[in-house]
């Protein structure tokens, strides 16, 4: 694992310390890693949403469409 040193103003350092103690993290590094993972997930989701928005329109997403999706999920779960 690589090491990265980050300088924070006192107010942000205090905030991180509070989050570590209040949210059950072992270290500030663990908290920062979690924030980075969440940001990666958000960026990935944004990319998927943007790709979906740019794609060609498909069938209308009405009640029948969602009913058929639910039926497919139930069948796949067996």
C-alpha atoms as a PDB file:
ATOM      1  CA  UNK A   1       0.000   0.000   0.000  1.00  0.00           C
ATOM      2  CA  UNK A   2       1.285   3.464  -0.848  1.00  0.00           C
ATOM      3  CA  UNK A   3       1.364   6.377   1.529  1.00  0.00           C
ATOM      4  CA  UNK A   4       0.054   9.869   0.831  1.00  0.00           C
ATOM      5  CA  UNK A   5       0.387  12.826   3.162  1.00  0.00           C
ATOM      6  CA  UNK A   6      -2.378  15.397   3.051  1.00  0.00           C
ATOM      7  CA  UNK A   7      -2.318  18.818   4.707  1.00  0.00           C
ATOM      8  CA  UNK A   8      -5.617  20.041   6.130  1.00  0.00           C
ATOM      9  CA  UNK A   9      -6.625  23.291   7.775  1.00  0.00           C
ATOM     10  CA  UNK A  10      -7.408  22.885  11.467  1.00  0.00           C
ATOM     11  CA  UNK A  11     -11.170  23.043  10.868  1.00  0.00           C
ATOM     12  CA  UNK A  12     -11.082  20.164   8.373  1.00  0.00           C
ATOM     13  CA  UNK A  13      -8.736  18.112  10.557  1.00  0.00           C
ATOM     14  CA  UNK A  14     -11.161  18.564  13.444  1.00  0.00           C
ATOM     15  CA  UNK A  15     -14.052  17.515  11.227  1.00  0.00           C
ATOM     16  CA  UNK A  16     -12.214  14.369  10.109  1.00  0.00           C
ATOM     17  CA  UNK A  17     -11.329  13.505  13.703  1.00  0.00           C
ATOM     18  CA  UNK A  18     -14.976  13.935  14.711  1.00  0.00           C
ATOM     19  CA  UNK A  19     -16.155  11.700  11.854  1.00  0.00           C
ATOM     20  CA  UNK A  20     -13.644   9.014  12.790  1.00  0.00           C
ATOM     21  CA  UNK A  21     -14.847   8.904  16.377  1.00  0.00           C
ATOM     22  CA  UNK A  22     -18.572   9.365  15.671  1.00  0.00           C
ATOM     23  CA  UNK A  23     -18.842   6.948  12.757  1.00  0.00           C
ATOM     24  CA  UNK A  24     -16.674   4.146  14.085  1.00  0.00           C
ATOM     25  CA  UNK A  25     -13.661   4.386  11.825  1.00  0.00           C
ATOM     26  CA  UNK A  26     -10.370   3.107  13.234  1.00  0.00           C
ATOM     27  CA  UNK A  27      -8.231   5.827  11.681  1.00  0.00           C
ATOM     28  CA  UNK A  28      -8.510   8.970   9.630  1.00  0.00           C
ATOM     29  CA  UNK A  29      -6.968   7.019   6.731  1.00  0.00           C
ATOM     30  CA  UNK A  30      -9.853   4.560   6.838  1.00  0.00           C
ATOM     31  CA  UNK A  31     -12.337   7.447   6.710  1.00  0.00           C
ATOM     32  CA  UNK A  32     -10.558   9.091   3.758  1.00  0.00           C
ATOM     33  CA  UNK A  33     -10.346   5.781   1.864  1.00  0.00           C
ATOM     34  CA  UNK A  34     -14.104   5.354   2.310  1.00  0.00           C
ATOM     35  CA  UNK A  35     -14.729   8.866   0.974  1.00  0.00           C
ATOM     36  CA  UNK A  36     -12.572   8.137  -2.066  1.00  0.00           C
ATOM     37  CA  UNK A  37     -14.380   4.841  -2.738  1.00  0.00           C
ATOM     38  CA  UNK A  38     -17.741   6.606  -2.529  1.00  0.00           C
ATOM     39  CA  UNK A  39     -16.529   9.277  -4.927  1.00  0.00           C
ATOM     40  CA  UNK A  40     -15.378   6.574  -7.366  1.00  0.00           C
ATOM     41  CA  UNK A  41     -18.824   4.962  -7.139  1.00  0.00           C
ATOM     42  CA  UNK A  42     -20.537   8.315  -7.780  1.00  0.00           C
ATOM     43  CA  UNK A  43     -18.354   8.987 -10.803  1.00  0.00           C
ATOM     44  CA  UNK A  44     -19.044   5.502 -12.170  1.00  0.00           C
ATOM     45  CA  UNK A  45     -22.792   5.961 -11.686  1.00  0.00           C
ATOM     46  CA  UNK A  46     -22.643   9.388 -13.326  1.00  0.00           C
ATOM     47  CA  UNK A  47     -20.882   7.835 -16.322  1.00  0.00           C
ATOM     48  CA  UNK A  48     -23.577   5.176 -16.602  1.00  0.00           C
ATOM     49  CA  UNK A  49     -26.333   7.775 -16.340  1.00  0.00           C
ATOM     50  CA  UNK A  50     -24.712   9.989 -18.959  1.00  0.00           C
ATOM     51  CA  UNK A  51     -24.267   7.007 -21.298  1.00  0.00           C
ATOM     52  CA  UNK A  52     -27.901   6.067 -20.761  1.00  0.00           C
ATOM     53  CA  UNK A  53     -29.044   9.616 -21.432  1.00  0.00           C
ATOM     54  CA  UNK A  54     -27.032   9.695 -24.661  1.00  0.00           C
ATOM     55  CA  UNK A  55     -28.334   6.337 -25.893  1.00  0.00           C
ATOM     56  CA  UNK A  56     -31.249   5.866 -28.232  1.00  0.00           C
ATOM     57  CA  UNK A  57     -34.712   5.729 -26.694  1.00  0.00           C
ATOM     58  CA  UNK A  58     -36.203   2.306 -26.164  1.00  0.00           C
ATOM     59  CA  UNK A  59     -39.705   1.165 -25.288  1.00  0.00           C
ATOM     60  CA  UNK A  60     -41.962   3.257 -23.116  1.00  0.00           C
ATOM     61  CA  UNK A  61     -41.361   2.611 -19.416  1.00  0.00           C
ATOM     62  CA  UNK A  62     -44.976   2.170 -18.380  1.00  0.00           C
ATOM     63  CA  UNK A  63     -46.659  -0.150 -15.868  1.00  0.00           C
ATOM     64  CA  UNK A  64     -46.498  -3.155 -18.242  1.00  0.00           C
ATOM     65  CA  UNK A  65     -42.773  -2.620 -18.748  1.00  0.00           C
ATOM     66  CA  UNK A  66     -42.071  -2.654 -15.007  1.00  0.00           C
ATOM     67  CA  UNK A  67     -44.400  -5.614 -14.447  1.00  0.00           C
ATOM     68  CA  UNK A  68     -42.433  -7.607 -17.033  1.00  0.00           C
ATOM     69  CA  UNK A  69     -39.147  -6.624 -15.373  1.00  0.00           C
ATOM     70  CA  UNK A  70     -40.439  -7.812 -12.005  1.00  0.00           C
ATOM     71  CA  UNK A  71     -41.553 -11.100 -13.555  1.00  0.00           C
ATOM     72  CA  UNK A  72     -38.093 -11.608 -15.127  1.00  0.00           C
ATOM     73  CA  UNK A  73     -36.410 -10.949 -11.784  1.00  0.00           C
ATOM     74  CA  UNK A  74     -38.702 -13.396 -10.001  1.00  0.00           C
ATOM     75  CA  UNK A  75     -37.987 -16.041 -12.657  1.00  0.00           C
ATOM     76  CA  UNK A  76     -34.226 -15.452 -12.452  1.00  0.00           C
ATOM     77  CA  UNK A  77     -34.279 -15.731  -8.655  1.00  0.00           C
ATOM     78  CA  UNK A  78     -36.129 -19.035  -8.993  1.00  0.00           C
END
